[in-house]
Amino acid sequence: VDLAREGLRPSAILTPAAFENAVRLLMALGGSTNAVVHLPAIAGRLGISLPLDLFDAMGRSTPVIANVRPSGQYQMEEFFHAGGVPAVLQELRPLLHLNTLTVSGRTLGEELDRIDPSAVDRNVILPLDQPLKREGGLAILRGTLAPDGAVIKQSAASPELLRHRGRAVVFSSPADLAARIDDPALDITPESVIVLQNAGPVGGPGMPEAGFLPIPKKLLAQGIRDMVRISDARMSGTAFGTVVLHVAPEAAVGGPLALVRDGDWIELDVANRRLDLLVGEEELARRRAEWRPPTPPYRRGYRRLYVDHVLQAPQGCDFDFLVDRPGVAAG
């Protein structure tokens, strides 16, 4: 109420510099992949562009300093008592825009001046020059399988799988995955790449948290605890594993993910930010010509409006008519 009386509007706080600070914090925390959807959506309402390349650039220059699961050792409650987000921001100070305004009416720099650094638990919140991980928690991938981008929480992935080539085992929907993943006859090995299609913004619909694809029971019985898994879905920020998410364009709108078939070779190279489908152009062109979009599940009403107007993951999955475009009058 006080903010409203003072005339301090959200647009005065949610500036491009403030969003960059938020991305820095996300990377230092090893934070949720969901933020790569939420932050562009919020920014888009203000006419601010928050491209995936910005996330990746900041990820390369911001180390993980929060020793918190799934990237580290401690729980969120312990992180809170160790100093929490304010302590992380204080450590990130050299990388932040300190003149950004906060809801207190003070700048971020002024707020950080009020923090007692001696109260920080250095087992949980590490110094900037002694990080848990050299790069930020998230990496943005591109390639023939994700021309518009995909995201992986590299800080919570198995190091030996960050560069991997394997044959695809494809599931056409979450229902197909649930029906077949534990079939003893499923042709799958620990080196396989599990691929889920049609779980994105349009295909879900709603981009459910279906991206934490399960390991088949027969492989779990062999002691396998992680595999490369790829989808156009989301997953919880607390999940661990070598899981590629938000593949764009999604399968339901004809992205390359829709063209993947069982046995195709897929190559993941996180260091070089690549995700590639190793199938020849002629074969892909043939598959593309045969591909047909799924029939919309809804004929009318809000759900049909959603399917017709939702944007892809890199744009925040907002409605296209709600994104602020400079020079276009609001309705």
C-alpha atoms as a PDB file:
ATOM      1  CA  VAL A   1       0.000   0.000   0.000  1.00  0.00           C
ATOM      2  CA  ASP A   2       2.823   2.387   0.853  1.00  0.00           C
ATOM      3  CA  LEU A   3       4.413   1.745  -2.534  1.00  0.00           C
ATOM      4  CA  ALA A   4       1.155   2.645  -4.269  1.00  0.00           C
ATOM      5  CA  ARG A   5       0.844   5.836  -2.230  1.00  0.00           C
ATOM      6  CA  GLU A   6       4.393   6.777  -3.119  1.00  0.00           C
ATOM      7  CA  GLY A   7       3.749   6.108  -6.799  1.00  0.00           C
ATOM      8  CA  LEU A   8       6.546   3.533  -7.002  1.00  0.00           C
ATOM      9  CA  ARG A   9       5.400   1.401  -9.913  1.00  0.00           C
ATOM     10  CA  PRO A  10       6.657  -2.093 -10.786  1.00  0.00           C
ATOM     11  CA  SER A  11       8.062  -0.712 -14.045  1.00  0.00           C
ATOM     12  CA  ALA A  12      10.463   1.464 -12.027  1.00  0.00           C
ATOM     13  CA  ILE A  13      11.866  -1.635 -10.328  1.00  0.00           C
ATOM     14  CA  LEU A  14      11.652  -4.211 -13.120  1.00  0.00           C
ATOM     15  CA  THR A  15      14.259  -2.673 -15.411  1.00  0.00           C
ATOM     16  CA  PRO A  16      16.624  -4.423 -17.846  1.00  0.00           C
ATOM     17  CA  ALA A  17      19.426  -4.072 -15.295  1.00  0.00           C
ATOM     18  CA  ALA A  18      17.257  -5.620 -12.568  1.00  0.00           C
ATOM     19  CA  PHE A  19      16.478  -8.595 -14.789  1.00  0.00           C
ATOM     20  CA  GLU A  20      20.189  -9.055 -15.445  1.00  0.00           C
ATOM     21  CA  ASN A  21      20.752  -9.098 -11.686  1.00  0.00           C
ATOM     22  CA  ALA A  22      18.053 -11.755 -11.385  1.00  0.00           C
ATOM     23  CA  VAL A  23      19.765 -13.916 -14.005  1.00  0.00           C
ATOM     24  CA  ARG A  24      23.109 -13.554 -12.200  1.00  0.00           C
ATOM     25  CA  LEU A  25      21.482 -14.685  -8.972  1.00  0.00           C
ATOM     26  CA  LEU A  26      19.802 -17.608 -10.733  1.00  0.00           C
ATOM     27  CA  MET A  27      23.148 -18.812 -12.069  1.00  0.00           C
ATOM     28  CA  ALA A  28      24.953 -18.421  -8.746  1.00  0.00           C
ATOM     29  CA  LEU A  29      22.258 -20.384  -6.925  1.00  0.00           C
ATOM     30  CA  GLY A  30      22.183 -23.232  -9.432  1.00  0.00           C
ATOM     31  CA  GLY A  31      18.540 -22.228  -9.617  1.00  0.00           C
ATOM     32  CA  SER A  32      15.562 -23.709 -11.384  1.00  0.00           C
ATOM     33  CA  THR A  33      15.323 -24.136 -15.141  1.00  0.00           C
ATOM     34  CA  ASN A  34      11.761 -22.840 -14.744  1.00  0.00           C
ATOM     35  CA  ALA A  35      13.179 -19.342 -14.261  1.00  0.00           C
ATOM     36  CA  VAL A  36      14.249 -19.418 -17.921  1.00  0.00           C
ATOM     37  CA  VAL A  37      10.525 -19.417 -18.710  1.00  0.00           C
ATOM     38  CA  HIS A  38       9.252 -17.143 -15.940  1.00  0.00           C
ATOM     39  CA  LEU A  39      11.756 -14.295 -16.260  1.00  0.00           C
ATOM     40  CA  PRO A  40      11.273 -13.751 -20.030  1.00  0.00           C
ATOM     41  CA  ALA A  41       7.504 -13.867 -19.485  1.00  0.00           C
ATOM     42  CA  ILE A  42       7.626 -11.130 -16.848  1.00  0.00           C
ATOM     43  CA  ALA A  43      10.081  -9.080 -18.897  1.00  0.00           C
ATOM     44  CA  GLY A  44       7.931  -9.454 -21.999  1.00  0.00           C
ATOM     45  CA  ARG A  45       4.979  -7.787 -20.285  1.00  0.00           C
ATOM     46  CA  LEU A  46       7.226  -4.730 -19.892  1.00  0.00           C
ATOM     47  CA  GLY A  47       8.555  -4.815 -23.441  1.00  0.00           C
ATOM     48  CA  ILE A  48      11.985  -5.980 -22.238  1.00  0.00           C
ATOM     49  CA  SER A  49      13.803  -8.623 -24.250  1.00  0.00           C
ATOM     50  CA  LEU A  50      15.476 -11.345 -22.194  1.00  0.00           C
ATOM     51  CA  PRO A  51      16.948 -13.700 -24.821  1.00  0.00           C
ATOM     52  CA  LEU A  52      18.411 -17.103 -24.090  1.00  0.00           C
ATOM     53  CA  ASP A  53      21.826 -15.858 -25.207  1.00  0.00           C
ATOM     54  CA  LEU A  54      21.835 -13.465 -22.246  1.00  0.00           C
ATOM     55  CA  PHE A  55      21.199 -16.367 -19.866  1.00  0.00           C
ATOM     56  CA  ASP A  56      24.067 -18.303 -21.384  1.00  0.00           C
ATOM     57  CA  ALA A  57      26.497 -15.374 -21.386  1.00  0.00           C
ATOM     58  CA  MET A  58      25.796 -14.726 -17.720  1.00  0.00           C
ATOM     59  CA  GLY A  59      26.037 -18.418 -16.946  1.00  0.00           C
ATOM     60  CA  ARG A  60      29.524 -18.518 -18.414  1.00  0.00           C
ATOM     61  CA  SER A  61      30.657 -15.589 -16.249  1.00  0.00           C
ATOM     62  CA  THR A  62      28.831 -16.365 -12.980  1.00  0.00           C
ATOM     63  CA  PRO A  63      29.987 -19.292 -10.828  1.00  0.00           C
ATOM     64  CA  VAL A  64      27.750 -21.376  -8.581  1.00  0.00           C
ATOM     65  CA  ILE A  65      28.445 -20.285  -5.002  1.00  0.00           C
ATOM     66  CA  ALA A  66      25.417 -21.783  -3.237  1.00  0.00           C
ATOM     67  CA  ASN A  67      26.300 -25.238  -1.934  1.00  0.00           C
ATOM     68  CA  VAL A  68      22.660 -26.285  -2.113  1.00  0.00           C
ATOM     69  CA  ARG A  69      20.939 -29.336  -3.572  1.00  0.00           C
ATOM     70  CA  PRO A  70      20.644 -30.552  -6.269  1.00  0.00           C
ATOM     71  CA  SER A  71      23.956 -28.931  -7.265  1.00  0.00           C
ATOM     72  CA  GLY A  72      25.520 -29.103  -3.816  1.00  0.00           C
ATOM     73  CA  GLN A  73      25.217 -30.568  -0.346  1.00  0.00           C
ATOM     74  CA  TYR A  74      22.821 -28.535   1.809  1.00  0.00           C
ATOM     75  CA  GLN A  75      19.056 -28.085   2.012  1.00  0.00           C
ATOM     76  CA  MET A  76      17.194 -24.826   1.368  1.00  0.00           C
ATOM     77  CA  GLU A  77      16.418 -24.388   5.067  1.00  0.00           C
ATOM     78  CA  GLU A  78      20.141 -24.517   5.820  1.00  0.00           C
ATOM     79  CA  PHE A  79      20.744 -22.041   2.996  1.00  0.00           C
ATOM     80  CA  PHE A  80      18.251 -19.648   4.594  1.00  0.00           C
ATOM     81  CA  HIS A  81      19.974 -19.826   7.978  1.00  0.00           C
ATOM     82  CA  ALA A  82      23.388 -19.434   6.309  1.00  0.00           C
ATOM     83  CA  GLY A  83      22.436 -15.983   5.039  1.00  0.00           C
ATOM     84  CA  GLY A  84      20.169 -16.792   2.118  1.00  0.00           C
ATOM     85  CA  VAL A  85      19.717 -14.721  -1.008  1.00  0.00           C
ATOM     86  CA  PRO A  86      21.000 -11.452   0.544  1.00  0.00           C
ATOM     87  CA  ALA A  87      24.323 -13.114   1.357  1.00  0.00           C
ATOM     88  CA  VAL A  88      24.628 -14.486  -2.185  1.00  0.00           C
ATOM     89  CA  LEU A  89      23.888 -11.047  -3.623  1.00  0.00           C
ATOM     90  CA  GLN A  90      26.537  -9.555  -1.359  1.00  0.00           C
ATOM     91  CA  GLU A  91      29.094 -12.039  -2.686  1.00  0.00           C
ATOM     92  CA  LEU A  92      28.016 -11.301  -6.268  1.00  0.00           C
ATOM     93  CA  ARG A  93      28.370  -7.567  -5.700  1.00  0.00           C
ATOM     94  CA  PRO A  94      31.181  -7.032  -8.262  1.00  0.00           C
ATOM     95  CA  LEU A  95      28.941  -8.556 -10.967  1.00  0.00           C
ATOM     96  CA  LEU A  96      25.695  -6.719 -10.188  1.00  0.00           C
ATOM     97  CA  HIS A  97      24.044  -3.456 -11.213  1.00  0.00           C
ATOM     98  CA  LEU A  98      24.016  -1.854  -7.759  1.00  0.00           C
ATOM     99  CA  ASN A  99      22.041   1.261  -8.698  1.00  0.00           C
ATOM    100  CA  THR A 100      18.850  -0.669  -9.449  1.00  0.00           C
ATOM    101  CA  LEU A 101      15.867   0.307  -7.327  1.00  0.00           C
ATOM    102  CA  THR A 102      14.301  -2.143  -4.848  1.00  0.00           C
ATOM    103  CA  VAL A 103      10.837  -2.254  -3.267  1.00  0.00           C
ATOM    104  CA  SER A 104      12.250  -0.562  -0.163  1.00  0.00           C
ATOM    105  CA  GLY A 105      12.888   2.569  -2.202  1.00  0.00           C
ATOM    106  CA  ARG A 106      16.621   2.072  -1.681  1.00  0.00           C
ATOM    107  CA  THR A 107      19.034   0.833  -4.317  1.00  0.00           C
ATOM    108  CA  LEU A 108      20.345  -2.716  -4.341  1.00  0.00           C
ATOM    109  CA  GLY A 109      23.762  -1.407  -3.325  1.00  0.00           C
ATOM    110  CA  GLU A 110      22.273   0.394  -0.336  1.00  0.00           C
ATOM    111  CA  GLU A 111      20.455  -2.770   0.710  1.00  0.00           C
ATOM    112  CA  LEU A 112      23.638  -4.823   0.474  1.00  0.00           C
ATOM    113  CA  ASP A 113      25.467  -2.276   2.647  1.00  0.00           C
ATOM    114  CA  ARG A 114      23.132  -3.313   5.479  1.00  0.00           C
ATOM    115  CA  ILE A 115      24.266  -6.972   5.438  1.00  0.00           C
ATOM    116  CA  ASP A 116      26.733  -8.273   8.025  1.00  0.00           C
ATOM    117  CA  PRO A 117      29.154 -10.516   6.068  1.00  0.00           C
ATOM    118  CA  SER A 118      30.477 -12.091   9.273  1.00  0.00           C
ATOM    119  CA  ALA A 119      27.108 -13.805   9.802  1.00  0.00           C
ATOM    120  CA  VAL A 120      27.391 -15.857   6.590  1.00  0.00           C
ATOM    121  CA  ASP A 121      28.019 -19.614   6.852  1.00  0.00           C
ATOM    122  CA  ARG A 122      30.849 -20.206   4.373  1.00  0.00           C
ATOM    123  CA  ASN A 123      30.160 -23.923   4.195  1.00  0.00           C
ATOM    124  CA  VAL A 124      26.869 -23.140   2.480  1.00  0.00           C
ATOM    125  CA  ILE A 125      27.512 -19.828   0.709  1.00  0.00           C
ATOM    126  CA  LEU A 126      30.980 -19.866  -0.784  1.00  0.00           C
ATOM    127  CA  PRO A 127      33.272 -16.958  -1.682  1.00  0.00           C
ATOM    128  CA  LEU A 128      33.136 -15.807  -5.286  1.00  0.00           C
ATOM    129  CA  ASP A 129      36.760 -16.844  -5.823  1.00  0.00           C
ATOM    130  CA  GLN A 130      36.206 -20.325  -4.318  1.00  0.00           C
ATOM    131  CA  PRO A 131      33.004 -21.443  -6.066  1.00  0.00           C
ATOM    132  CA  LEU A 132      31.251 -24.772  -6.049  1.00  0.00           C
ATOM    133  CA  LYS A 133      31.172 -24.737  -9.867  1.00  0.00           C
ATOM    134  CA  ARG A 134      33.223 -22.549 -12.186  1.00  0.00           C
ATOM    135  CA  GLU A 135      30.222 -21.749 -14.421  1.00  0.00           C
ATOM    136  CA  GLY A 136      26.620 -20.974 -13.576  1.00  0.00           C
ATOM    137  CA  GLY A 137      24.037 -23.626 -12.910  1.00  0.00           C
ATOM    138  CA  LEU A 138      22.297 -23.429 -16.283  1.00  0.00           C
ATOM    139  CA  ALA A 139      23.542 -23.691 -19.857  1.00  0.00           C
ATOM    140  CA  ILE A 140      21.697 -22.875 -23.066  1.00  0.00           C
ATOM    141  CA  LEU A 141      22.064 -25.373 -25.893  1.00  0.00           C
ATOM    142  CA  ARG A 142      21.457 -24.930 -29.604  1.00  0.00           C
ATOM    143  CA  GLY A 143      21.880 -27.145 -32.621  1.00  0.00           C
ATOM    144  CA  THR A 144      19.969 -29.125 -35.194  1.00  0.00           C
ATOM    145  CA  LEU A 145      17.688 -30.566 -32.513  1.00  0.00           C
ATOM    146  CA  ALA A 146      17.063 -27.219 -30.790  1.00  0.00           C
ATOM    147  CA  PRO A 147      17.453 -24.359 -33.293  1.00  0.00           C
ATOM    148  CA  ASP A 148      15.723 -21.907 -30.950  1.00  0.00           C
ATOM    149  CA  GLY A 149      17.369 -23.238 -27.824  1.00  0.00           C
ATOM    150  CA  ALA A 150      17.092 -25.675 -24.938  1.00  0.00           C
ATOM    151  CA  VAL A 151      18.248 -25.576 -21.320  1.00  0.00           C
ATOM    152  CA  ILE A 152      20.145 -27.952 -19.040  1.00  0.00           C
ATOM    153  CA  LYS A 153      21.045 -27.591 -15.377  1.00  0.00           C
ATOM    154  CA  GLN A 154      24.686 -28.470 -15.889  1.00  0.00           C
ATOM    155  CA  SER A 155      25.508 -28.063 -12.202  1.00  0.00           C
ATOM    156  CA  ALA A 156      23.179 -30.972 -11.353  1.00  0.00           C
ATOM    157  CA  ALA A 157      24.125 -33.237 -14.269  1.00  0.00           C
ATOM    158  CA  SER A 158      26.506 -36.190 -14.302  1.00  0.00           C
ATOM    159  CA  PRO A 159      29.891 -34.857 -15.479  1.00  0.00           C
ATOM    160  CA  GLU A 160      30.565 -37.934 -17.598  1.00  0.00           C
ATOM    161  CA  LEU A 161      27.334 -37.345 -19.560  1.00  0.00           C
ATOM    162  CA  LEU A 162      27.890 -33.676 -20.382  1.00  0.00           C
ATOM    163  CA  ARG A 163      29.433 -34.874 -23.622  1.00  0.00           C
ATOM    164  CA  HIS A 164      27.558 -37.876 -24.926  1.00  0.00           C
ATOM    165  CA  ARG A 165      26.428 -39.541 -28.128  1.00  0.00           C
ATOM    166  CA  GLY A 166      23.666 -42.135 -28.023  1.00  0.00           C
ATOM    167  CA  ARG A 167      20.765 -43.651 -29.901  1.00  0.00           C
ATOM    168  CA  ALA A 168      17.307 -42.212 -29.309  1.00  0.00           C
ATOM    169  CA  VAL A 169      14.493 -44.079 -27.612  1.00  0.00           C
ATOM    170  CA  VAL A 170      11.450 -41.985 -28.471  1.00  0.00           C
ATOM    171  CA  PHE A 171       8.136 -41.531 -26.680  1.00  0.00           C
ATOM    172  CA  SER A 172       5.445 -39.574 -28.493  1.00  0.00           C
ATOM    173  CA  SER A 173       3.700 -38.208 -25.387  1.00  0.00           C
ATOM    174  CA  PRO A 174       3.730 -38.406 -21.577  1.00  0.00           C
ATOM    175  CA  ALA A 175       1.042 -41.100 -21.817  1.00  0.00           C
ATOM    176  CA  ASP A 176       3.201 -43.145 -24.187  1.00  0.00           C
ATOM    177  CA  LEU A 177       6.143 -42.748 -21.798  1.00  0.00           C
ATOM    178  CA  ALA A 178       4.090 -43.939 -18.821  1.00  0.00           C
ATOM    179  CA  ALA A 179       2.807 -46.937 -20.774  1.00  0.00           C
ATOM    180  CA  ARG A 180       6.148 -48.205 -22.113  1.00  0.00           C
ATOM    181  CA  ILE A 181       9.110 -46.961 -20.063  1.00  0.00           C
ATOM    182  CA  ASP A 182       9.144 -50.012 -17.773  1.00  0.00           C
ATOM    183  CA  ASP A 183       8.346 -52.585 -20.448  1.00  0.00           C
ATOM    184  CA  PRO A 184      10.987 -55.318 -20.014  1.00  0.00           C
ATOM    185  CA  ALA A 185      11.110 -55.653 -23.808  1.00  0.00           C
ATOM    186  CA  LEU A 186      11.982 -51.970 -24.367  1.00  0.00           C
ATOM    187  CA  ASP A 187      15.100 -51.726 -26.547  1.00  0.00           C
ATOM    188  CA  ILE A 188      17.191 -49.433 -24.358  1.00  0.00           C
ATOM    189  CA  THR A 189      20.685 -49.375 -22.852  1.00  0.00           C
ATOM    190  CA  PRO A 190      22.430 -47.020 -20.406  1.00  0.00           C
ATOM    191  CA  GLU A 191      23.985 -45.256 -23.413  1.00  0.00           C
ATOM    192  CA  SER A 192      20.598 -44.532 -25.004  1.00  0.00           C
ATOM    193  CA  VAL A 193      19.076 -41.044 -25.082  1.00  0.00           C
ATOM    194  CA  ILE A 194      15.477 -40.936 -23.854  1.00  0.00           C
ATOM    195  CA  VAL A 195      13.380 -38.497 -25.908  1.00  0.00           C
ATOM    196  CA  LEU A 196       9.899 -37.248 -25.026  1.00  0.00           C
ATOM    197  CA  GLN A 197       7.838 -35.391 -27.639  1.00  0.00           C
ATOM    198  CA  ASN A 198       4.649 -33.336 -27.385  1.00  0.00           C
ATOM    199  CA  ALA A 199       4.972 -32.119 -23.802  1.00  0.00           C
ATOM    200  CA  GLY A 200       5.647 -28.449 -24.547  1.00  0.00           C
ATOM    201  CA  PRO A 201       3.482 -25.323 -24.344  1.00  0.00           C
ATOM    202  CA  VAL A 202       1.153 -26.434 -27.162  1.00  0.00           C
ATOM    203  CA  GLY A 203       1.717 -30.179 -27.036  1.00  0.00           C
ATOM    204  CA  GLY A 204       1.162 -30.662 -23.296  1.00  0.00           C
ATOM    205  CA  PRO A 205      -0.780 -28.519 -23.426  1.00  0.00           C
ATOM    206  CA  GLY A 206       0.662 -26.220 -20.804  1.00  0.00           C
ATOM    207  CA  MET A 207       4.281 -27.451 -20.706  1.00  0.00           C
ATOM    208  CA  PRO A 208       3.873 -29.720 -17.659  1.00  0.00           C
ATOM    209  CA  GLU A 209       6.738 -30.705 -15.368  1.00  0.00           C
ATOM    210  CA  ALA A 210       7.076 -33.975 -17.263  1.00  0.00           C
ATOM    211  CA  GLY A 211      10.713 -33.512 -18.265  1.00  0.00           C
ATOM    212  CA  PHE A 212      12.278 -35.477 -15.411  1.00  0.00           C
ATOM    213  CA  LEU A 213      11.963 -38.658 -17.435  1.00  0.00           C
ATOM    214  CA  PRO A 214      12.229 -41.835 -15.366  1.00  0.00           C
ATOM    215  CA  ILE A 215      15.029 -44.355 -15.739  1.00  0.00           C
ATOM    216  CA  PRO A 216      13.553 -47.717 -16.847  1.00  0.00           C
ATOM    217  CA  LYS A 217      13.225 -50.158 -13.958  1.00  0.00           C
ATOM    218  CA  LYS A 218      15.388 -52.746 -15.682  1.00  0.00           C
ATOM    219  CA  LEU A 219      18.251 -50.219 -15.863  1.00  0.00           C
ATOM    220  CA  LEU A 220      17.694 -49.080 -12.283  1.00  0.00           C
ATOM    221  CA  ALA A 221      18.113 -52.723 -11.299  1.00  0.00           C
ATOM    222  CA  GLN A 222      21.537 -52.614 -12.985  1.00  0.00           C
ATOM    223  CA  GLY A 223      22.541 -49.627 -10.854  1.00  0.00           C
ATOM    224  CA  ILE A 224      21.993 -46.943 -13.508  1.00  0.00           C
ATOM    225  CA  ARG A 225      21.015 -43.651 -11.878  1.00  0.00           C
ATOM    226  CA  ASP A 226      21.321 -41.143 -14.725  1.00  0.00           C
ATOM    227  CA  MET A 227      20.935 -41.027 -18.493  1.00  0.00           C
ATOM    228  CA  VAL A 228      20.699 -38.248 -21.062  1.00  0.00           C
ATOM    229  CA  ARG A 229      17.042 -37.282 -21.319  1.00  0.00           C
ATOM    230  CA  ILE A 230      15.555 -34.729 -23.712  1.00  0.00           C
ATOM    231  CA  SER A 231      12.107 -33.153 -24.009  1.00  0.00           C
ATOM    232  CA  ASP A 232      10.150 -29.989 -24.723  1.00  0.00           C
ATOM    233  CA  ALA A 233       8.713 -30.134 -21.186  1.00  0.00           C
ATOM    234  CA  ARG A 234       9.733 -28.551 -17.868  1.00  0.00           C
ATOM    235  CA  MET A 235      10.898 -30.164 -14.637  1.00  0.00           C
ATOM    236  CA  SER A 236      11.149 -29.281 -10.967  1.00  0.00           C
ATOM    237  CA  GLY A 237      14.080 -27.154  -9.874  1.00  0.00           C
ATOM    238  CA  THR A 238      14.988 -29.738  -7.237  1.00  0.00           C
ATOM    239  CA  ALA A 239      15.589 -32.597  -9.704  1.00  0.00           C
ATOM    240  CA  PHE A 240      19.038 -34.048 -10.430  1.00  0.00           C
ATOM    241  CA  GLY A 241      20.281 -35.506 -13.693  1.00  0.00           C
ATOM    242  CA  THR A 242      21.470 -34.912 -17.239  1.00  0.00           C
ATOM    243  CA  VAL A 243      18.130 -33.621 -18.428  1.00  0.00           C
ATOM    244  CA  VAL A 244      17.680 -31.313 -21.422  1.00  0.00           C
ATOM    245  CA  LEU A 245      14.457 -29.302 -21.293  1.00  0.00           C
ATOM    246  CA  HIS A 246      12.416 -26.649 -23.130  1.00  0.00           C
ATOM    247  CA  VAL A 247      13.567 -27.826 -26.578  1.00  0.00           C
ATOM    248  CA  ALA A 248      12.366 -25.193 -29.040  1.00  0.00           C
ATOM    249  CA  PRO A 249      10.569 -25.176 -31.334  1.00  0.00           C
ATOM    250  CA  GLU A 250       8.565 -27.870 -29.573  1.00  0.00           C
ATOM    251  CA  ALA A 251       7.412 -31.054 -31.286  1.00  0.00           C
ATOM    252  CA  ALA A 252       3.743 -30.054 -31.515  1.00  0.00           C
ATOM    253  CA  VAL A 253       4.527 -27.080 -33.770  1.00  0.00           C
ATOM    254  CA  GLY A 254       6.852 -29.035 -36.030  1.00  0.00           C
ATOM    255  CA  GLY A 255      10.223 -28.479 -34.394  1.00  0.00           C
ATOM    256  CA  PRO A 256      13.020 -30.967 -35.151  1.00  0.00           C
ATOM    257  CA  LEU A 257      12.122 -32.817 -31.950  1.00  0.00           C
ATOM    258  CA  ALA A 258       9.005 -34.050 -33.782  1.00  0.00           C
ATOM    259  CA  LEU A 259      11.196 -35.703 -36.416  1.00  0.00           C
ATOM    260  CA  VAL A 260      13.296 -37.854 -34.070  1.00  0.00           C
ATOM    261  CA  ARG A 261      12.846 -41.601 -34.512  1.00  0.00           C
ATOM    262  CA  ASP A 262      13.998 -44.615 -32.502  1.00  0.00           C
ATOM    263  CA  GLY A 263      17.622 -45.374 -33.252  1.00  0.00           C
ATOM    264  CA  ASP A 264      18.616 -41.879 -34.406  1.00  0.00           C
ATOM    265  CA  TRP A 265      21.968 -40.717 -33.094  1.00  0.00           C
ATOM    266  CA  ILE A 266      21.859 -37.641 -30.854  1.00  0.00           C
ATOM    267  CA  GLU A 267      24.918 -35.749 -29.652  1.00  0.00           C
ATOM    268  CA  LEU A 268      25.040 -33.600 -26.516  1.00  0.00           C
ATOM    269  CA  ASP A 269      28.058 -31.331 -25.969  1.00  0.00           C
ATOM    270  CA  VAL A 270      27.395 -28.961 -23.087  1.00  0.00           C
ATOM    271  CA  ALA A 271      30.841 -27.337 -23.108  1.00  0.00           C
ATOM    272  CA  ASN A 272      30.235 -26.233 -26.694  1.00  0.00           C
ATOM    273  CA  ARG A 273      26.527 -25.617 -26.040  1.00  0.00           C
ATOM    274  CA  ARG A 274      25.410 -28.055 -28.744  1.00  0.00           C
ATOM    275  CA  LEU A 275      22.471 -30.432 -29.086  1.00  0.00           C
ATOM    276  CA  ASP A 276      22.386 -32.143 -32.460  1.00  0.00           C
ATOM    277  CA  LEU A 277      20.274 -34.721 -34.248  1.00  0.00           C
ATOM    278  CA  LEU A 278      22.728 -36.646 -36.426  1.00  0.00           C
ATOM    279  CA  VAL A 279      20.379 -37.389 -39.309  1.00  0.00           C
ATOM    280  CA  GLY A 280      20.976 -36.339 -42.915  1.00  0.00           C
ATOM    281  CA  GLU A 281      19.105 -33.412 -44.440  1.00  0.00           C
ATOM    282  CA  GLU A 282      17.427 -35.550 -47.093  1.00  0.00           C
ATOM    283  CA  GLU A 283      15.985 -37.909 -44.505  1.00  0.00           C
ATOM    284  CA  LEU A 284      14.866 -35.016 -42.314  1.00  0.00           C
ATOM    285  CA  ALA A 285      13.189 -33.378 -45.318  1.00  0.00           C
ATOM    286  CA  ARG A 286      11.323 -36.612 -46.023  1.00  0.00           C
ATOM    287  CA  ARG A 287      10.154 -36.856 -42.417  1.00  0.00           C
ATOM    288  CA  ARG A 288       9.173 -33.193 -42.385  1.00  0.00           C
ATOM    289  CA  ALA A 289       7.037 -33.662 -45.483  1.00  0.00           C
ATOM    290  CA  GLU A 290       5.255 -36.583 -43.803  1.00  0.00           C
ATOM    291  CA  TRP A 291       4.764 -34.830 -40.463  1.00  0.00           C
ATOM    292  CA  ARG A 292       1.289 -33.628 -39.571  1.00  0.00           C
ATOM    293  CA  PRO A 293       0.501 -31.409 -36.583  1.00  0.00           C
ATOM    294  CA  PRO A 294      -1.529 -33.077 -33.866  1.00  0.00           C
ATOM    295  CA  THR A 295      -5.235 -32.321 -33.899  1.00  0.00           C
ATOM    296  CA  PRO A 296      -5.959 -29.526 -31.387  1.00  0.00           C
ATOM    297  CA  PRO A 297      -7.562 -31.173 -28.349  1.00  0.00           C
ATOM    298  CA  TYR A 298     -10.023 -28.309 -27.896  1.00  0.00           C
ATOM    299  CA  ARG A 299     -12.392 -26.755 -30.433  1.00  0.00           C
ATOM    300  CA  ARG A 300     -13.243 -23.565 -28.567  1.00  0.00           C
ATOM    301  CA  GLY A 301     -13.144 -21.696 -25.282  1.00  0.00           C
ATOM    302  CA  TYR A 302     -10.176 -20.694 -23.170  1.00  0.00           C
ATOM    303  CA  ARG A 303      -8.234 -23.880 -23.836  1.00  0.00           C
ATOM    304  CA  ARG A 304      -8.411 -23.355 -27.596  1.00  0.00           C
ATOM    305  CA  LEU A 305      -7.417 -19.711 -27.155  1.00  0.00           C
ATOM    306  CA  TYR A 306      -4.435 -20.910 -25.119  1.00  0.00           C
ATOM    307  CA  VAL A 307      -3.235 -23.388 -27.753  1.00  0.00           C
ATOM    308  CA  ASP A 308      -3.637 -20.836 -30.541  1.00  0.00           C
ATOM    309  CA  HIS A 309      -1.810 -17.989 -28.786  1.00  0.00           C
ATOM    310  CA  VAL A 310       0.770 -19.404 -26.371  1.00  0.00           C
ATOM    311  CA  LEU A 311       4.377 -18.548 -27.201  1.00  0.00           C
ATOM    312  CA  GLN A 312       7.296 -20.952 -27.135  1.00  0.00           C
ATOM    313  CA  ALA A 313       9.544 -21.510 -24.115  1.00  0.00           C
ATOM    314  CA  PRO A 314      12.242 -18.942 -25.056  1.00  0.00           C
ATOM    315  CA  GLN A 315       9.536 -16.246 -25.075  1.00  0.00           C
ATOM    316  CA  GLY A 316       8.197 -17.314 -21.688  1.00  0.00           C
ATOM    317  CA  CYS A 317       5.087 -19.257 -22.793  1.00  0.00           C
ATOM    318  CA  ASP A 318       3.001 -16.111 -22.412  1.00  0.00           C
ATOM    319  CA  PHE A 319       0.102 -15.242 -24.701  1.00  0.00           C
ATOM    320  CA  ASP A 320       1.316 -13.455 -27.812  1.00  0.00           C
ATOM    321  CA  PHE A 321      -1.267 -10.692 -27.350  1.00  0.00           C
ATOM    322  CA  LEU A 322      -0.037  -9.876 -23.819  1.00  0.00           C
ATOM    323  CA  VAL A 323       3.571  -9.168 -24.732  1.00  0.00           C
ATOM    324  CA  ASP A 324       4.307  -5.449 -24.800  1.00  0.00           C
ATOM    325  CA  ARG A 325       5.637  -4.360 -28.178  1.00  0.00           C
ATOM    326  CA  PRO A 326       7.172  -0.892 -28.432  1.00  0.00           C
ATOM    327  CA  GLY A 327       5.155   1.349 -30.706  1.00  0.00           C
ATOM    328  CA  VAL A 328       1.963  -0.710 -30.385  1.00  0.00           C
ATOM    329  CA  ALA A 329      -0.808   0.876 -28.328  1.00  0.00           C
ATOM    330  CA  ALA A 330      -2.272  -1.155 -25.472  1.00  0.00           C
ATOM    331  CA  GLY A 331      -5.869  -2.243 -25.951  1.00  0.00           C
END
